[in-house]
Amino acid sequence: MSENLNSNNLENDEFNVINEDSDYTDLITRLNEIKSTIALLEKTIFK
């Protein structure tokens, strides 16, 4: 019984790592979009 629980915990941990990687990738993508938007706004303001 405990072997089954340990197996489930390992699978959940792997799933959490994958989700965290995906979250960080999404965050980096969003931050790059924000950076680009700010750069465009700066160009517009300082023309």
N, C-alpha and C. Protein backbone atom coordinates (compact mmCIF):
# COMPACT_ATOMS: atom_id res chain seq x y z
N MET A 1 0.82 -1.20 0.00
CA MET A 1 0.00 0.00 0.00
C MET A 1 0.87 1.26 0.00
N SER A 2 1.89 1.30 0.85
CA SER A 2 2.74 2.48 0.90
C SER A 2 3.54 2.64 -0.38
N GLU A 3 3.85 1.53 -1.06
CA GLU A 3 4.57 1.63 -2.34
C GLU A 3 3.71 2.38 -3.36
N ASN A 4 2.43 2.11 -3.34
CA ASN A 4 1.51 2.77 -4.26
C ASN A 4 1.44 4.27 -3.96
N LEU A 5 1.39 4.61 -2.69
CA LEU A 5 1.36 6.02 -2.31
C LEU A 5 2.65 6.72 -2.72
N ASN A 6 3.78 6.07 -2.51
CA ASN A 6 5.06 6.67 -2.91
C ASN A 6 5.11 6.89 -4.41
N SER A 7 4.60 5.95 -5.17
CA SER A 7 4.57 6.08 -6.62
C SER A 7 3.72 7.28 -7.03
N ASN A 8 2.57 7.43 -6.40
CA ASN A 8 1.69 8.57 -6.71
C ASN A 8 2.35 9.89 -6.34
N ASN A 9 3.06 9.91 -5.21
CA ASN A 9 3.75 11.14 -4.80
C ASN A 9 4.83 11.52 -5.80
N LEU A 10 5.57 10.54 -6.30
CA LEU A 10 6.61 10.82 -7.29
C LEU A 10 6.00 11.38 -8.57
N GLU A 11 4.89 10.79 -9.00
CA GLU A 11 4.23 11.29 -10.21
C GLU A 11 3.74 12.71 -10.00
N ASN A 12 3.18 12.99 -8.82
CA ASN A 12 2.70 14.34 -8.53
C ASN A 12 3.86 15.33 -8.49
N ASP A 13 4.99 14.92 -7.91
CA ASP A 13 6.16 15.79 -7.87
C ASP A 13 6.66 16.10 -9.28
N GLU A 14 6.70 15.10 -10.13
CA GLU A 14 7.12 15.32 -11.52
C GLU A 14 6.17 16.26 -12.22
N PHE A 15 4.87 16.09 -11.99
CA PHE A 15 3.87 16.96 -12.61
C PHE A 15 4.05 18.39 -12.12
N ASN A 16 4.33 18.57 -10.82
CA ASN A 16 4.53 19.91 -10.27
C ASN A 16 5.75 20.57 -10.88
N VAL A 17 6.82 19.82 -11.10
CA VAL A 17 8.04 20.38 -11.70
C VAL A 17 7.74 20.83 -13.13
N ILE A 18 7.01 20.02 -13.86
CA ILE A 18 6.65 20.39 -15.23
C ILE A 18 5.80 21.65 -15.22
N ASN A 19 4.84 21.74 -14.31
CA ASN A 19 4.00 22.93 -14.22
C ASN A 19 4.81 24.16 -13.85
N GLU A 20 5.75 24.00 -12.92
CA GLU A 20 6.58 25.13 -12.52
C GLU A 20 7.43 25.60 -13.69
N ASP A 21 8.00 24.68 -14.46
CA ASP A 21 8.78 25.06 -15.63
C ASP A 21 7.91 25.82 -16.62
N SER A 22 6.70 25.34 -16.82
CA SER A 22 5.78 25.99 -17.73
C SER A 22 5.41 27.38 -17.21
N ASP A 23 5.20 27.50 -15.91
CA ASP A 23 4.87 28.80 -15.32
C ASP A 23 6.01 29.79 -15.52
N TYR A 24 7.25 29.33 -15.29
CA TYR A 24 8.40 30.21 -15.48
C TYR A 24 8.56 30.62 -16.94
N THR A 25 8.33 29.69 -17.85
CA THR A 25 8.41 30.00 -19.28
C THR A 25 7.36 31.04 -19.65
N ASP A 26 6.14 30.85 -19.15
CA ASP A 26 5.06 31.81 -19.41
C ASP A 26 5.39 33.17 -18.82
N LEU A 27 5.96 33.19 -17.63
CA LEU A 27 6.32 34.44 -16.98
C LEU A 27 7.41 35.17 -17.77
N ILE A 28 8.41 34.45 -18.21
CA ILE A 28 9.48 35.07 -18.99
C ILE A 28 8.94 35.63 -20.30
N THR A 29 8.05 34.88 -20.94
CA THR A 29 7.44 35.35 -22.18
C THR A 29 6.65 36.64 -21.93
N ARG A 30 5.87 36.65 -20.88
CA ARG A 30 5.06 37.84 -20.55
C ARG A 30 5.95 39.03 -20.21
N LEU A 31 7.03 38.79 -19.46
CA LEU A 31 7.94 39.88 -19.12
C LEU A 31 8.62 40.45 -20.37
N ASN A 32 8.95 39.59 -21.32
CA ASN A 32 9.54 40.08 -22.58
C ASN A 32 8.54 40.92 -23.36
N GLU A 33 7.27 40.53 -23.33
CA GLU A 33 6.24 41.33 -24.00
C GLU A 33 6.11 42.69 -23.33
N ILE A 34 6.13 42.71 -22.01
CA ILE A 34 6.05 43.98 -21.27
C ILE A 34 7.25 44.85 -21.58
N LYS A 35 8.43 44.24 -21.64
CA LYS A 35 9.66 44.98 -21.96
C LYS A 35 9.55 45.63 -23.34
N SER A 36 9.02 44.89 -24.31
CA SER A 36 8.86 45.42 -25.66
C SER A 36 7.86 46.58 -25.68
N THR A 37 6.78 46.43 -24.94
CA THR A 37 5.78 47.49 -24.87
C THR A 37 6.36 48.75 -24.25
N ILE A 38 7.12 48.60 -23.20
CA ILE A 38 7.75 49.75 -22.55
C ILE A 38 8.73 50.43 -23.50
N ALA A 39 9.50 49.65 -24.24
CA ALA A 39 10.45 50.22 -25.19
C ALA A 39 9.72 51.03 -26.26
N LEU A 40 8.60 50.51 -26.76
CA LEU A 40 7.83 51.25 -27.76
C LEU A 40 7.25 52.54 -27.17
N LEU A 41 6.76 52.47 -25.95
CA LEU A 41 6.24 53.67 -25.30
C LEU A 41 7.33 54.72 -25.09
N GLU A 42 8.51 54.27 -24.72
CA GLU A 42 9.63 55.21 -24.53
C GLU A 42 9.97 55.89 -25.84
N LYS A 43 9.99 55.13 -26.94
CA LYS A 43 10.28 55.73 -28.25
C LYS A 43 9.22 56.76 -28.61
N THR A 44 7.96 56.45 -28.33
CA THR A 44 6.86 57.36 -28.64
C THR A 44 6.95 58.63 -27.79
N ILE A 45 7.25 58.49 -26.53
CA ILE A 45 7.28 59.63 -25.62
C ILE A 45 8.47 60.55 -25.93
N PHE A 46 9.62 59.98 -26.24
CA PHE A 46 10.83 60.79 -26.40
C PHE A 46 11.10 61.20 -27.84
N LYS A 47 10.12 61.05 -28.73
CA LYS A 47 10.32 61.51 -30.11
C LYS A 47 10.21 63.00 -30.20
